[in-house]
Amino acid sequence: MFFVRVHYTGGEKSNTFHGYTLIEVVVAIAIFSAMLLLGGMALNQGLKQYQGLIEKGFCFWDYAQNIWTDKSFHSTIDYYVHTDTQGWFPYFRGNQDGISLVTLAPFAGDMPVVVWIRKENVENGKEKLIYYELPVYAKSYRELEDDFTSGAYKKGRSIRIIEGIDRVQFEFYGYDIRDEKHKWRKIFEGAETKQLPLLVRIEYVQGDEKRMMTYAIHVNSQLKRGYAGKYGK
């Protein structure tokens, strides 16, 4: 393509035609072609790297979810509640259907939340783990239980931890008052133990591989069991 410039001098009109020479056009095409070639090579390299990550099953979102779930357990607190039969105890419920606790590390926002991690079935016969949270405010034990039994906990924020798995099992490691020693158990109720577990382990099968996630709770509630006797009077 050639460009034409028209210059006017005084009252007289003079037409001056300027255009690109063949060499300039060839150089411009060569530069443009080189840029396209480099861009195509960079795009191809990026696609190969992305394909390699996908083939290895490495998912950045899943990795971030695991880090955040670990932070939620790490920030679990002794949220004391009261019942007429059990007195004062730190809120924690763990069984083979899921876990419920109070943490200072919500998925979004900065308010303490009560968390439910539930094992749910999907249509293909597999299972999934879903995280739910609601602001805890100053809720009593009865109010927390009502949030669960009424299904209100599903109205809060939620996130899929993992799906497409089988044979999910929960285990809790803590101090057993009766045996006077630490051990793993299938059920852990704060109302009975008067403390929080030290570790939570989630085992499951994905494909043909057995996997496990272990989370630590850094609250030495074993030394706080005296709260129940002190405030229960």
Protein backbone atom coordinates (compact mmCIF):
# COMPACT_ATOMS: atom_id res chain seq x y z
CA MET A 1 0.00 0.00 0.00
CA PHE A 2 1.32 3.46 -0.90
CA PHE A 3 0.49 6.72 0.84
CA VAL A 4 0.07 9.99 -0.97
CA ARG A 5 0.81 13.31 0.61
CA VAL A 6 -0.39 16.57 -0.98
CA HIS A 7 1.50 19.79 -0.09
CA TYR A 8 0.24 23.32 -0.77
CA THR A 9 2.74 26.19 -1.17
CA GLY A 10 1.33 29.70 -1.13
CA GLY A 11 -1.47 30.06 -3.64
CA GLU A 12 -0.11 27.43 -5.87
CA LYS A 13 -0.89 23.76 -5.41
CA SER A 14 1.89 21.27 -5.84
CA ASN A 15 1.36 17.53 -5.59
CA THR A 16 4.21 15.52 -4.11
CA PHE A 17 3.84 11.75 -4.08
CA HIS A 18 5.75 9.85 -1.40
CA GLY A 19 5.68 6.07 -0.95
CA TYR A 20 7.64 3.19 0.58
CA THR A 21 10.41 1.68 -1.40
CA LEU A 22 10.50 -2.02 -2.12
CA ILE A 23 13.33 -2.52 0.38
CA GLU A 24 11.35 -0.82 3.14
CA VAL A 25 8.33 -3.01 2.43
CA VAL A 26 10.45 -6.17 2.46
CA VAL A 27 12.10 -5.19 5.76
CA ALA A 28 8.71 -4.42 7.35
CA ILE A 29 7.31 -7.77 6.21
CA ALA A 30 10.41 -9.56 7.55
CA ILE A 31 10.09 -7.88 10.97
CA PHE A 32 6.37 -8.64 11.15
CA SER A 33 6.96 -12.26 10.17
CA ALA A 34 9.67 -12.62 12.82
CA MET A 35 7.32 -11.24 15.48
CA LEU A 36 4.59 -13.69 14.44
CA LEU A 37 7.09 -16.54 14.53
CA LEU A 38 8.33 -15.64 18.03
CA GLY A 39 4.78 -15.19 19.29
CA GLY A 40 3.75 -18.54 17.86
CA MET A 41 6.74 -20.26 19.46
CA ALA A 42 5.94 -18.73 22.86
CA LEU A 43 2.28 -19.74 22.59
CA ASN A 44 3.20 -23.27 21.56
CA GLN A 45 5.62 -23.59 24.48
CA GLY A 46 2.97 -22.35 26.91
CA LEU A 47 0.42 -24.83 25.58
CA LYS A 48 2.91 -27.68 25.96
CA GLN A 49 3.62 -26.71 29.57
CA TYR A 50 -0.09 -26.45 30.34
CA GLN A 51 -0.74 -29.83 28.74
CA GLY A 52 2.07 -31.32 30.79
CA LEU A 53 0.53 -30.01 34.03
CA ILE A 54 -2.87 -31.38 33.10
CA GLU A 55 -1.43 -34.78 32.25
CA LYS A 56 0.29 -34.93 35.62
CA GLY A 57 -2.98 -34.15 37.35
CA PHE A 58 -1.61 -30.98 38.92
CA CYS A 59 -4.40 -28.53 39.59
CA PHE A 60 -3.50 -25.14 41.07
CA TRP A 61 -7.04 -24.65 42.41
CA ASP A 62 -7.00 -27.98 44.24
CA TYR A 63 -3.60 -27.11 45.68
CA ALA A 64 -4.90 -23.75 46.92
CA GLN A 65 -7.96 -25.40 48.42
CA ASN A 66 -5.78 -27.82 50.38
CA ILE A 67 -3.67 -24.98 51.78
CA TRP A 68 -6.75 -23.01 52.77
CA THR A 69 -8.45 -26.04 54.40
CA ASP A 70 -5.28 -26.66 56.41
CA LYS A 71 -5.36 -23.03 57.55
CA SER A 72 -8.98 -23.42 58.64
CA PHE A 73 -8.12 -26.39 60.87
CA HIS A 74 -4.96 -24.68 62.11
CA SER A 75 -7.07 -21.69 63.26
CA THR A 76 -9.69 -23.74 65.13
CA ILE A 77 -10.54 -22.18 68.49
CA ASP A 78 -11.98 -23.30 71.81
CA TYR A 79 -15.48 -21.94 71.28
CA TYR A 80 -17.17 -22.85 74.54
CA VAL A 81 -20.88 -23.69 74.56
CA HIS A 82 -23.17 -24.94 77.30
CA THR A 83 -25.90 -27.51 77.79
CA ASP A 84 -27.76 -28.45 80.94
CA THR A 85 -26.54 -32.07 80.81
CA GLN A 86 -22.93 -31.58 79.65
CA GLY A 87 -22.07 -28.20 81.15
CA TRP A 88 -19.40 -26.12 79.36
CA PHE A 89 -17.27 -27.64 76.58
CA PRO A 90 -15.44 -26.58 73.39
CA TYR A 91 -17.62 -27.00 70.32
CA PHE A 92 -16.45 -29.81 68.06
CA ARG A 93 -18.38 -32.62 66.41
CA GLY A 94 -16.73 -35.36 64.39
CA ASN A 95 -18.15 -38.62 63.07
CA GLN A 96 -18.26 -40.65 59.86
CA ASP A 97 -20.61 -38.18 58.17
CA GLY A 98 -18.48 -35.10 58.67
CA ILE A 99 -16.93 -32.51 60.96
CA SER A 100 -18.16 -29.33 62.61
CA LEU A 101 -15.93 -26.76 64.34
CA VAL A 102 -15.38 -23.04 64.88
CA THR A 103 -12.41 -21.32 63.25
CA LEU A 104 -10.87 -17.86 62.97
CA ALA A 105 -9.94 -18.41 59.30
CA PRO A 106 -13.07 -18.09 57.16
CA PHE A 107 -13.11 -18.69 53.43
CA ALA A 108 -14.08 -15.07 52.90
CA GLY A 109 -14.30 -12.12 55.26
CA ASP A 110 -12.70 -11.75 58.68
CA MET A 111 -15.38 -12.93 61.12
CA PRO A 112 -15.09 -16.23 63.03
CA VAL A 113 -17.23 -18.91 61.43
CA VAL A 114 -18.71 -22.27 62.27
CA VAL A 115 -17.63 -24.84 59.69
CA TRP A 116 -19.27 -28.03 58.46
CA ILE A 117 -17.25 -30.42 56.31
CA ARG A 118 -19.73 -32.95 54.97
CA LYS A 119 -19.45 -36.17 53.03
CA GLU A 120 -22.10 -36.18 50.31
CA ASN A 121 -23.10 -38.63 47.61
CA VAL A 122 -23.18 -37.77 43.91
CA GLU A 123 -25.23 -39.25 41.07
CA ASN A 124 -22.57 -41.65 39.77
CA GLY A 125 -22.29 -43.39 43.13
CA LYS A 126 -19.15 -41.50 44.10
CA GLU A 127 -18.70 -39.23 47.08
CA LYS A 128 -17.52 -35.67 47.60
CA LEU A 129 -16.40 -33.45 50.46
CA ILE A 130 -18.05 -30.05 50.73
CA TYR A 131 -17.03 -27.21 53.04
CA TYR A 132 -19.78 -24.95 54.43
CA GLU A 133 -19.46 -21.95 56.73
CA LEU A 134 -21.68 -19.45 58.52
CA PRO A 135 -20.75 -16.57 60.84
CA VAL A 136 -20.76 -17.90 64.38
CA TYR A 137 -21.56 -14.56 66.07
CA ALA A 138 -22.36 -15.63 69.66
CA LYS A 139 -24.52 -18.64 68.88
CA SER A 140 -25.37 -21.18 71.52
CA TYR A 141 -24.99 -24.92 71.12
CA ARG A 142 -28.71 -25.24 70.35
CA GLU A 143 -28.52 -22.55 67.67
CA LEU A 144 -25.53 -24.25 66.04
CA GLU A 145 -27.38 -27.56 66.01
CA ASP A 146 -30.49 -25.88 64.57
CA ASP A 147 -28.39 -24.44 61.72
CA PHE A 148 -27.40 -27.99 60.83
CA THR A 149 -30.67 -29.85 61.30
CA SER A 150 -32.66 -27.19 59.42
CA GLY A 151 -30.17 -27.14 56.55
CA ALA A 152 -29.45 -23.45 57.09
CA TYR A 153 -25.72 -24.16 56.96
CA LYS A 154 -26.03 -24.73 53.20
CA LYS A 155 -27.15 -21.13 52.71
CA GLY A 156 -23.73 -19.79 53.66
CA ARG A 157 -20.50 -19.91 51.71
CA SER A 158 -19.46 -23.30 50.41
CA ILE A 159 -16.63 -24.84 48.45
CA ARG A 160 -15.86 -28.26 47.04
CA ILE A 161 -12.82 -29.77 48.71
CA ILE A 162 -12.67 -32.91 46.58
CA GLU A 163 -15.05 -35.06 44.53
CA GLY A 164 -15.15 -38.32 42.59
CA ILE A 165 -13.90 -40.36 45.56
CA ASP A 166 -14.94 -43.51 47.43
CA ARG A 167 -14.83 -44.93 50.95
CA VAL A 168 -14.34 -41.66 52.84
CA GLN A 169 -13.42 -42.13 56.49
CA PHE A 170 -12.79 -39.60 59.25
CA GLU A 171 -10.49 -40.22 62.20
CA PHE A 172 -9.64 -38.03 65.17
CA TYR A 173 -6.56 -38.15 67.38
CA GLY A 174 -6.85 -36.87 70.92
CA TYR A 175 -6.65 -37.63 74.59
CA ASP A 176 -8.98 -40.30 75.94
CA ILE A 177 -10.04 -39.46 79.49
CA ARG A 178 -11.06 -43.01 80.32
CA ASP A 179 -7.92 -44.72 79.01
CA GLU A 180 -5.72 -41.76 80.00
CA LYS A 181 -3.79 -41.82 76.75
CA HIS A 182 -3.87 -40.35 73.22
CA LYS A 183 -5.39 -42.49 70.50
CA TRP A 184 -7.27 -42.43 67.18
CA ARG A 185 -11.05 -42.75 67.21
CA LYS A 186 -13.92 -42.71 64.73
CA ILE A 187 -16.11 -40.32 66.73
CA PHE A 188 -15.00 -37.23 68.62
CA GLU A 189 -17.49 -35.09 70.51
CA GLY A 190 -16.38 -32.02 72.42
CA ALA A 191 -19.35 -32.48 74.74
CA GLU A 192 -17.88 -35.78 75.95
CA THR A 193 -14.12 -35.17 75.76
CA LYS A 194 -14.23 -31.54 77.02
CA GLN A 195 -11.42 -30.76 74.57
CA LEU A 196 -10.53 -30.59 70.89
CA PRO A 197 -8.68 -33.27 68.94
CA LEU A 198 -5.02 -32.75 68.07
CA LEU A 199 -5.26 -34.21 64.57
CA VAL A 200 -7.98 -34.87 62.01
CA ARG A 201 -7.37 -37.46 59.31
CA ILE A 202 -9.51 -37.95 56.20
CA GLU A 203 -8.90 -41.13 54.22
CA TYR A 204 -10.44 -41.86 50.83
CA VAL A 205 -9.93 -43.80 47.61
CA GLN A 206 -9.52 -41.97 44.31
CA GLY A 207 -9.34 -44.23 41.31
CA ASP A 208 -7.29 -47.19 42.46
CA GLU A 209 -5.18 -45.19 44.90
CA LYS A 210 -5.78 -44.79 48.61
CA ARG A 211 -5.06 -41.25 49.78
CA MET A 212 -5.07 -39.35 53.03
CA MET A 213 -5.27 -35.76 54.26
CA THR A 214 -4.13 -34.92 57.80
CA TYR A 215 -4.81 -31.59 59.52
CA ALA A 216 -3.47 -30.33 62.83
CA ILE A 217 -5.43 -28.33 65.41
CA HIS A 218 -3.03 -26.17 67.40
CA VAL A 219 -5.12 -25.60 70.53
CA ASN A 220 -3.97 -27.18 73.79
CA SER A 221 -7.50 -27.66 75.08
CA GLN A 222 -6.42 -30.57 77.25
CA LEU A 223 -5.21 -28.04 79.82
CA LYS A 224 -8.53 -26.21 79.64
CA ARG A 225 -10.76 -29.05 80.71
CA GLY A 226 -11.05 -27.39 84.10
CA TYR A 227 -13.23 -24.75 82.47
CA ALA A 228 -16.14 -27.17 82.44
CA GLY A 229 -15.97 -27.69 86.20
CA LYS A 230 -15.27 -24.05 86.96
CA TYR A 231 -18.03 -22.47 84.86
CA GLY A 232 -20.47 -25.33 85.25
CA LYS A 233 -21.08 -24.57 88.89
